[in-house]
PDB file of N, CA and C in Angstrom:
ATOM      1  N   MET A   1      -8.921 -15.325  13.754  1.00  0.00           N
ATOM      2  CA  MET A   1      -9.873 -15.736  14.765  1.00  0.00           C
ATOM      3  C   MET A   1      -9.502 -15.106  16.106  1.00  0.00           C
ATOM      4  N   THR A   2     -10.500 -14.635  16.801  1.00  0.00           N
ATOM      5  CA  THR A   2     -10.287 -13.966  18.071  1.00  0.00           C
ATOM      6  C   THR A   2     -10.056 -14.981  19.163  1.00  0.00           C
ATOM      7  N   LYS A   3      -9.010 -14.749  19.956  1.00  0.00           N
ATOM      8  CA  LYS A   3      -8.661 -15.616  21.056  1.00  0.00           C
ATOM      9  C   LYS A   3      -9.599 -15.374  22.240  1.00  0.00           C
ATOM     10  N   ASP A   4      -9.920 -16.460  22.972  1.00  0.00           N
ATOM     11  CA  ASP A   4     -10.756 -16.318  24.183  1.00  0.00           C
ATOM     12  C   ASP A   4      -9.807 -15.939  25.330  1.00  0.00           C
ATOM     13  N   HIS A   5     -10.010 -14.771  25.899  1.00  0.00           N
ATOM     14  CA  HIS A   5      -9.168 -14.265  26.980  1.00  0.00           C
ATOM     15  C   HIS A   5      -9.717 -14.570  28.350  1.00  0.00           C
ATOM     16  N   GLY A   6     -10.717 -15.427  28.417  1.00  0.00           N
ATOM     17  CA  GLY A   6     -11.292 -15.827  29.692  1.00  0.00           C
ATOM     18  C   GLY A   6     -12.478 -14.968  30.094  1.00  0.00           C
ATOM     19  N   ALA A   7     -13.072 -15.323  31.200  1.00  0.00           N
ATOM     20  CA  ALA A   7     -14.302 -14.691  31.655  1.00  0.00           C
ATOM     21  C   ALA A   7     -14.075 -13.239  32.085  1.00  0.00           C
ATOM     22  N   GLN A   8     -12.861 -12.879  32.401  1.00  0.00           N
ATOM     23  CA  GLN A   8     -12.609 -11.496  32.840  1.00  0.00           C
ATOM     24  C   GLN A   8     -12.655 -10.480  31.704  1.00  0.00           C
ATOM     25  N   ILE A   9     -12.553 -10.912  30.469  1.00  0.00           N
ATOM     26  CA  ILE A   9     -12.670 -10.037  29.288  1.00  0.00           C
ATOM     27  C   ILE A   9     -13.992 -10.285  28.622  1.00  0.00           C
ATOM     28  N   LYS A  10     -14.826  -9.272  28.563  1.00  0.00           N
ATOM     29  CA  LYS A  10     -16.188  -9.420  28.057  1.00  0.00           C
ATOM     30  C   LYS A  10     -16.296  -9.256  26.532  1.00  0.00           C
ATOM     31  N   ASP A  11     -15.346  -8.577  25.908  1.00  0.00           N
ATOM     32  CA  ASP A  11     -15.337  -8.394  24.459  1.00  0.00           C
ATOM     33  C   ASP A  11     -13.923  -8.657  23.965  1.00  0.00           C
ATOM     34  N   ASP A  12     -13.679  -9.912  23.631  1.00  0.00           N
ATOM     35  CA  ASP A  12     -12.315 -10.346  23.226  1.00  0.00           C
ATOM     36  C   ASP A  12     -11.805  -9.601  21.986  1.00  0.00           C
ATOM     37  N   LYS A  13     -12.662  -9.408  21.001  1.00  0.00           N
ATOM     38  CA  LYS A  13     -12.245  -8.760  19.753  1.00  0.00           C
ATOM     39  C   LYS A  13     -11.812  -7.320  20.026  1.00  0.00           C
ATOM     40  N   LEU A  14     -12.615  -6.552  20.774  1.00  0.00           N
ATOM     41  CA  LEU A  14     -12.253  -5.182  21.066  1.00  0.00           C
ATOM     42  C   LEU A  14     -10.968  -5.145  21.915  1.00  0.00           C
ATOM     43  N   TYR A  15     -10.864  -6.055  22.874  1.00  0.00           N
ATOM     44  CA  TYR A  15      -9.655  -6.118  23.717  1.00  0.00           C
ATOM     45  C   TYR A  15      -8.429  -6.309  22.838  1.00  0.00           C
ATOM     46  N   GLU A  16      -8.485  -7.246  21.893  1.00  0.00           N
ATOM     47  CA  GLU A  16      -7.338  -7.492  21.000  1.00  0.00           C
ATOM     48  C   GLU A  16      -7.046  -6.273  20.150  1.00  0.00           C
ATOM     49  N   ASP A  17      -8.075  -5.620  19.617  1.00  0.00           N
ATOM     50  CA  ASP A  17      -7.871  -4.435  18.802  1.00  0.00           C
ATOM     51  C   ASP A  17      -7.162  -3.334  19.597  1.00  0.00           C
ATOM     52  N   LEU A  18      -7.614  -3.133  20.852  1.00  0.00           N
ATOM     53  CA  LEU A  18      -7.015  -2.115  21.688  1.00  0.00           C
ATOM     54  C   LEU A  18      -5.567  -2.432  22.037  1.00  0.00           C
ATOM     55  N   ARG A  19      -5.301  -3.706  22.288  1.00  0.00           N
ATOM     56  CA  ARG A  19      -3.896  -4.147  22.580  1.00  0.00           C
ATOM     57  C   ARG A  19      -3.035  -3.920  21.332  1.00  0.00           C
ATOM     58  N   ASP A  20      -3.582  -4.198  20.131  1.00  0.00           N
ATOM     59  CA  ASP A  20      -2.855  -3.974  18.881  1.00  0.00           C
ATOM     60  C   ASP A  20      -2.519  -2.490  18.686  1.00  0.00           C
ATOM     61  N   GLU A  21      -3.378  -1.610  19.231  1.00  0.00           N
ATOM     62  CA  GLU A  21      -3.139  -0.163  19.143  1.00  0.00           C
ATOM     63  C   GLU A  21      -2.122   0.307  20.180  1.00  0.00           C
ATOM     64  N   GLY A  22      -1.677  -0.593  21.026  1.00  0.00           N
ATOM     65  CA  GLY A  22      -0.645  -0.272  22.001  1.00  0.00           C
ATOM     66  C   GLY A  22      -1.105  -0.012  23.427  1.00  0.00           C
ATOM     67  N   MET A  23      -2.381  -0.219  23.705  1.00  0.00           N
ATOM     68  CA  MET A  23      -2.879   0.003  25.059  1.00  0.00           C
ATOM     69  C   MET A  23      -2.403  -1.083  25.993  1.00  0.00           C
ATOM     70  N   SER A  24      -2.288  -0.733  27.271  1.00  0.00           N
ATOM     71  CA  SER A  24      -1.900  -1.750  28.277  1.00  0.00           C
ATOM     72  C   SER A  24      -3.013  -2.768  28.406  1.00  0.00           C
ATOM     73  N   LYS A  25      -2.695  -3.927  28.966  1.00  0.00           N
ATOM     74  CA  LYS A  25      -3.703  -4.957  29.184  1.00  0.00           C
ATOM     75  C   LYS A  25      -4.820  -4.446  30.074  1.00  0.00           C
ATOM     76  N   GLU A  26      -4.468  -3.734  31.123  1.00  0.00           N
ATOM     77  CA  GLU A  26      -5.454  -3.254  32.065  1.00  0.00           C
ATOM     78  C   GLU A  26      -6.419  -2.248  31.426  1.00  0.00           C
ATOM     79  N   LYS A  27      -5.846  -1.297  30.696  1.00  0.00           N
ATOM     80  CA  LYS A  27      -6.670  -0.277  30.038  1.00  0.00           C
ATOM     81  C   LYS A  27      -7.574  -0.913  28.959  1.00  0.00           C
ATOM     82  N   ALA A  28      -7.009  -1.786  28.175  1.00  0.00           N
ATOM     83  CA  ALA A  28      -7.794  -2.495  27.127  1.00  0.00           C
ATOM     84  C   ALA A  28      -8.924  -3.287  27.749  1.00  0.00           C
ATOM     85  N   ALA A  29      -8.664  -3.944  28.865  1.00  0.00           N
ATOM     86  CA  ALA A  29      -9.701  -4.760  29.533  1.00  0.00           C
ATOM     87  C   ALA A  29     -10.805  -3.862  30.063  1.00  0.00           C
ATOM     88  N   ARG A  30     -10.440  -2.715  30.687  1.00  0.00           N
ATOM     89  CA  ARG A  30     -11.449  -1.813  31.235  1.00  0.00           C
ATOM     90  C   ARG A  30     -12.366  -1.301  30.133  1.00  0.00           C
ATOM     91  N   ILE A  31     -11.794  -0.904  29.028  1.00  0.00           N
ATOM     92  CA  ILE A  31     -12.553  -0.348  27.908  1.00  0.00           C
ATOM     93  C   ILE A  31     -13.436  -1.410  27.289  1.00  0.00           C
ATOM     94  N   ALA A  32     -12.862  -2.587  27.007  1.00  0.00           N
ATOM     95  CA  ALA A  32     -13.638  -3.688  26.388  1.00  0.00           C
ATOM     96  C   ALA A  32     -14.793  -4.090  27.289  1.00  0.00           C
ATOM     97  N   ASN A  33     -14.553  -4.187  28.568  1.00  0.00           N
ATOM     98  CA  ASN A  33     -15.613  -4.591  29.500  1.00  0.00           C
ATOM     99  C   ASN A  33     -16.689  -3.508  29.662  1.00  0.00           C
ATOM    100  N   ALA A  34     -16.289  -2.259  29.674  1.00  0.00           N
ATOM    101  CA  ALA A  34     -17.266  -1.172  29.774  1.00  0.00           C
ATOM    102  C   ALA A  34     -18.135  -1.124  28.525  1.00  0.00           C
ATOM    103  N   LYS A  35     -17.512  -1.302  27.368  1.00  0.00           N
ATOM    104  CA  LYS A  35     -18.279  -1.282  26.110  1.00  0.00           C
ATOM    105  C   LYS A  35     -19.249  -2.466  26.096  1.00  0.00           C
ATOM    106  N   ALA A  36     -18.792  -3.675  26.477  1.00  0.00           N
ATOM    107  CA  ALA A  36     -19.641  -4.844  26.467  1.00  0.00           C
ATOM    108  C   ALA A  36     -20.790  -4.708  27.491  1.00  0.00           C
ATOM    109  N   GLY A  37     -20.504  -4.024  28.593  1.00  0.00           N
ATOM    110  CA  GLY A  37     -21.508  -3.839  29.615  1.00  0.00           C
ATOM    111  C   GLY A  37     -22.459  -2.696  29.353  1.00  0.00           C
ATOM    112  N   GLY A  38     -22.192  -1.950  28.296  1.00  0.00           N
ATOM    113  CA  GLY A  38     -23.094  -0.836  27.916  1.00  0.00           C
ATOM    114  C   GLY A  38     -22.837   0.429  28.734  1.00  0.00           C
ATOM    115  N   THR A  39     -21.713   0.500  29.446  1.00  0.00           N
ATOM    116  CA  THR A  39     -21.467   1.685  30.263  1.00  0.00           C
ATOM    117  C   THR A  39     -20.528   2.672  29.609  1.00  0.00           C
ATOM    118  N   LEU A  40     -20.102   2.366  28.407  1.00  0.00           N
ATOM    119  CA  LEU A  40     -19.203   3.260  27.681  1.00  0.00           C
ATOM    120  C   LEU A  40     -20.056   3.955  26.600  1.00  0.00           C
ATOM    121  N   ASP A  41     -20.349   5.219  26.792  1.00  0.00           N
ATOM    122  CA  ASP A  41     -21.255   5.957  25.939  1.00  0.00           C
ATOM    123  C   ASP A  41     -20.551   7.137  25.337  1.00  0.00           C
ATOM    124  N   HIS A  42     -19.909   6.958  24.202  1.00  0.00           N
ATOM    125  CA  HIS A  42     -19.095   8.028  23.595  1.00  0.00           C
ATOM    126  C   HIS A  42     -19.894   9.140  22.947  1.00  0.00           C
ATOM    127  N   ASN A  43     -20.978   8.829  22.329  1.00  0.00           N
ATOM    128  CA  ASN A  43     -21.672   9.805  21.469  1.00  0.00           C
ATOM    129  C   ASN A  43     -22.919  10.412  22.089  1.00  0.00           C
ATOM    130  N   SER A  44     -23.084  10.228  23.347  1.00  0.00           N
ATOM    131  CA  SER A  44     -24.277  10.742  24.004  1.00  0.00           C
ATOM    132  C   SER A  44     -24.250  12.251  24.126  1.00  0.00           C
ATOM    133  N   ALA A  45     -25.324  12.895  23.802  1.00  0.00           N
ATOM    134  CA  ALA A  45     -25.447  14.330  23.972  1.00  0.00           C
ATOM    135  C   ALA A  45     -25.488  14.666  25.465  1.00  0.00           C
ATOM    136  N   ARG A  46     -25.767  13.684  26.279  1.00  0.00           N
ATOM    137  CA  ARG A  46     -25.857  13.906  27.724  1.00  0.00           C
ATOM    138  C   ARG A  46     -24.496  14.295  28.325  1.00  0.00           C
ATOM    139  N   LEU A  47     -23.412  14.061  27.631  1.00  0.00           N
ATOM    140  CA  LEU A  47     -22.104  14.428  28.203  1.00  0.00           C
ATOM    141  C   LEU A  47     -22.046  15.895  28.562  1.00  0.00           C
ATOM    142  N   GLU A  48     -22.603  16.760  27.732  1.00  0.00           N
ATOM    143  CA  GLU A  48     -22.608  18.190  28.021  1.00  0.00           C
ATOM    144  C   GLU A  48     -23.439  18.533  29.253  1.00  0.00           C
ATOM    145  N   ASP A  49     -24.363  17.697  29.584  1.00  0.00           N
ATOM    146  CA  ASP A  49     -25.234  17.945  30.753  1.00  0.00           C
ATOM    147  C   ASP A  49     -24.607  17.480  32.057  1.00  0.00           C
ATOM    148  N   ARG A  50     -23.526  16.756  31.963  1.00  0.00           N
ATOM    149  CA  ARG A  50     -22.842  16.242  33.166  1.00  0.00           C
ATOM    150  C   ARG A  50     -21.956  17.312  33.773  1.00  0.00           C
ATOM    151  N   THR A  51     -21.699  17.177  35.062  1.00  0.00           N
ATOM    152  CA  THR A  51     -20.752  18.086  35.714  1.00  0.00           C
ATOM    153  C   THR A  51     -19.328  17.704  35.358  1.00  0.00           C
ATOM    154  N   LYS A  52     -18.418  18.617  35.600  1.00  0.00           N
ATOM    155  CA  LYS A  52     -16.996  18.323  35.308  1.00  0.00           C
ATOM    156  C   LYS A  52     -16.532  17.150  36.151  1.00  0.00           C
ATOM    157  N   ASP A  53     -16.976  17.046  37.395  1.00  0.00           N
ATOM    158  CA  ASP A  53     -16.591  15.934  38.241  1.00  0.00           C
ATOM    159  C   ASP A  53     -17.104  14.593  37.685  1.00  0.00           C
ATOM    160  N   GLU A  54     -18.299  14.577  37.176  1.00  0.00           N
ATOM    161  CA  GLU A  54     -18.845  13.366  36.555  1.00  0.00           C
ATOM    162  C   GLU A  54     -18.051  12.974  35.324  1.00  0.00           C
ATOM    163  N   LEU A  55     -17.703  13.969  34.507  1.00  0.00           N
ATOM    164  CA  LEU A  55     -16.884  13.696  33.337  1.00  0.00           C
ATOM    165  C   LEU A  55     -15.518  13.191  33.715  1.00  0.00           C
ATOM    166  N   TYR A  56     -14.945  13.777  34.757  1.00  0.00           N
ATOM    167  CA  TYR A  56     -13.650  13.346  35.242  1.00  0.00           C
ATOM    168  C   TYR A  56     -13.691  11.887  35.665  1.00  0.00           C
ATOM    169  N   ASP A  57     -14.746  11.517  36.409  1.00  0.00           N
ATOM    170  CA  ASP A  57     -14.897  10.117  36.851  1.00  0.00           C
ATOM    171  C   ASP A  57     -15.023   9.159  35.662  1.00  0.00           C
ATOM    172  N   GLU A  58     -15.789   9.582  34.657  1.00  0.00           N
ATOM    173  CA  GLU A  58     -15.916   8.748  33.435  1.00  0.00           C
ATOM    174  C   GLU A  58     -14.569   8.602  32.753  1.00  0.00           C
ATOM    175  N   ALA A  59     -13.832   9.699  32.640  1.00  0.00           N
ATOM    176  CA  ALA A  59     -12.511   9.670  31.990  1.00  0.00           C
ATOM    177  C   ALA A  59     -11.565   8.758  32.767  1.00  0.00           C
ATOM    178  N   LYS A  60     -11.661   8.817  34.074  1.00  0.00           N
ATOM    179  CA  LYS A  60     -10.817   7.970  34.929  1.00  0.00           C
ATOM    180  C   LYS A  60     -11.181   6.495  34.710  1.00  0.00           C
ATOM    181  N   LYS A  61     -12.499   6.218  34.657  1.00  0.00           N
ATOM    182  CA  LYS A  61     -12.955   4.843  34.496  1.00  0.00           C
ATOM    183  C   LYS A  61     -12.467   4.202  33.186  1.00  0.00           C
ATOM    184  N   ILE A  62     -12.412   5.020  32.118  1.00  0.00           N
ATOM    185  CA  ILE A  62     -11.989   4.442  30.815  1.00  0.00           C
ATOM    186  C   ILE A  62     -10.512   4.667  30.544  1.00  0.00           C
ATOM    187  N   GLY A  63      -9.836   5.303  31.472  1.00  0.00           N
ATOM    188  CA  GLY A  63      -8.377   5.377  31.369  1.00  0.00           C
ATOM    189  C   GLY A  63      -7.805   6.500  30.510  1.00  0.00           C
ATOM    190  N   ILE A  64      -8.427   7.659  30.477  1.00  0.00           N
ATOM    191  CA  ILE A  64      -7.921   8.789  29.730  1.00  0.00           C
ATOM    192  C   ILE A  64      -6.819   9.489  30.507  1.00  0.00           C
ATOM    193  N   ASP A  65      -5.641   9.563  29.914  1.00  0.00           N
ATOM    194  CA  ASP A  65      -4.493  10.213  30.548  1.00  0.00           C
ATOM    195  C   ASP A  65      -4.633  11.733  30.453  1.00  0.00           C
ATOM    196  N   GLY A  66      -4.106  12.429  31.458  1.00  0.00           N
ATOM    197  CA  GLY A  66      -4.123  13.907  31.470  1.00  0.00           C
ATOM    198  C   GLY A  66      -5.439  14.533  31.831  1.00  0.00           C
ATOM    199  N   ARG A  67      -6.353  13.737  32.323  1.00  0.00           N
ATOM    200  CA  ARG A  67      -7.697  14.219  32.626  1.00  0.00           C
ATOM    201  C   ARG A  67      -7.758  15.268  33.697  1.00  0.00           C
ATOM    202  N   SER A  68      -6.829  15.226  34.646  1.00  0.00           N
ATOM    203  CA  SER A  68      -6.885  16.204  35.741  1.00  0.00           C
ATOM    204  C   SER A  68      -6.609  17.636  35.297  1.00  0.00           C
ATOM    205  N   ASP A  69      -5.928  17.768  34.165  1.00  0.00           N
ATOM    206  CA  ASP A  69      -5.651  19.125  33.638  1.00  0.00           C
ATOM    207  C   ASP A  69      -6.651  19.604  32.616  1.00  0.00           C
ATOM    208  N   MET A  70      -7.645  18.773  32.287  1.00  0.00           N
ATOM    209  CA  MET A  70      -8.605  19.123  31.230  1.00  0.00           C
ATOM    210  C   MET A  70      -9.746  19.970  31.736  1.00  0.00           C
ATOM    211  N   THR A  71     -10.228  20.819  30.838  1.00  0.00           N
ATOM    212  CA  THR A  71     -11.463  21.567  31.101  1.00  0.00           C
ATOM    213  C   THR A  71     -12.667  20.628  30.848  1.00  0.00           C
ATOM    214  N   LYS A  72     -13.848  21.103  31.179  1.00  0.00           N
ATOM    215  CA  LYS A  72     -15.038  20.306  30.938  1.00  0.00           C
ATOM    216  C   LYS A  72     -15.180  19.963  29.447  1.00  0.00           C
ATOM    217  N   ASP A  73     -14.974  20.970  28.608  1.00  0.00           N
ATOM    218  CA  ASP A  73     -15.093  20.736  27.153  1.00  0.00           C
ATOM    219  C   ASP A  73     -14.021  19.755  26.670  1.00  0.00           C
ATOM    220  N   GLU A  74     -12.857  19.834  27.198  1.00  0.00           N
ATOM    221  CA  GLU A  74     -11.778  18.906  26.803  1.00  0.00           C
ATOM    222  C   GLU A  74     -12.102  17.479  27.262  1.00  0.00           C
ATOM    223  N   LEU A  75     -12.706  17.346  28.443  1.00  0.00           N
ATOM    224  CA  LEU A  75     -13.110  16.050  28.907  1.00  0.00           C
ATOM    225  C   LEU A  75     -14.191  15.434  28.009  1.00  0.00           C
ATOM    226  N   VAL A  76     -15.187  16.236  27.620  1.00  0.00           N
ATOM    227  CA  VAL A  76     -16.225  15.734  26.711  1.00  0.00           C
ATOM    228  C   VAL A  76     -15.571  15.254  25.404  1.00  0.00           C
ATOM    229  N   LYS A  77     -14.672  16.063  24.852  1.00  0.00           N
ATOM    230  CA  LYS A  77     -14.036  15.705  23.591  1.00  0.00           C
ATOM    231  C   LYS A  77     -13.184  14.418  23.749  1.00  0.00           C
ATOM    232  N   ALA A  78     -12.480  14.332  24.837  1.00  0.00           N
ATOM    233  CA  ALA A  78     -11.634  13.135  25.091  1.00  0.00           C
ATOM    234  C   ALA A  78     -12.466  11.874  25.255  1.00  0.00           C
ATOM    235  N   ILE A  79     -13.567  11.978  25.961  1.00  0.00           N
ATOM    236  CA  ILE A  79     -14.423  10.800  26.165  1.00  0.00           C
ATOM    237  C   ILE A  79     -15.042  10.379  24.841  1.00  0.00           C
ATOM    238  N   ARG A  80     -15.513  11.333  24.066  1.00  0.00           N
ATOM    239  CA  ARG A  80     -16.094  11.003  22.756  1.00  0.00           C
ATOM    240  C   ARG A  80     -15.061  10.420  21.794  1.00  0.00           C
ATOM    241  N   GLY A  81     -13.852  10.896  21.854  1.00  0.00           N
ATOM    242  CA  GLY A  81     -12.801  10.462  20.945  1.00  0.00           C
ATOM    243  C   GLY A  81     -12.088   9.205  21.372  1.00  0.00           C
ATOM    244  N   HIS A  82     -12.375   8.745  22.567  1.00  0.00           N
ATOM    245  CA  HIS A  82     -11.684   7.567  23.095  1.00  0.00           C
ATOM    246  C   HIS A  82     -12.217   6.302  22.475  1.00  0.00           C
ATOM    247  N   LYS A  83     -11.347   5.501  21.928  1.00  0.00           N
ATOM    248  CA  LYS A  83     -11.770   4.232  21.301  1.00  0.00           C
ATOM    249  C   LYS A  83     -10.977   3.087  21.817  1.00  0.00           C
TER     250      LYS A  83
END
């Protein structure tokens, strides 16, 4: 049974799964809340239409490490592969 992590966590199940994978509490919360809020869009074809700066901002928002050294294509791949 999924534990209720309070109002600050919008998707308790995803949060717990991410924590089980070893993510920090902060990173797991950001991802779980973005997914629950509909702002985490991994499979959108629109990613290729975004600028590198927009992709960087998205990667920063969801907590992708090493983003500052990534090319646009690497950012797209990282965002899509982020779970």
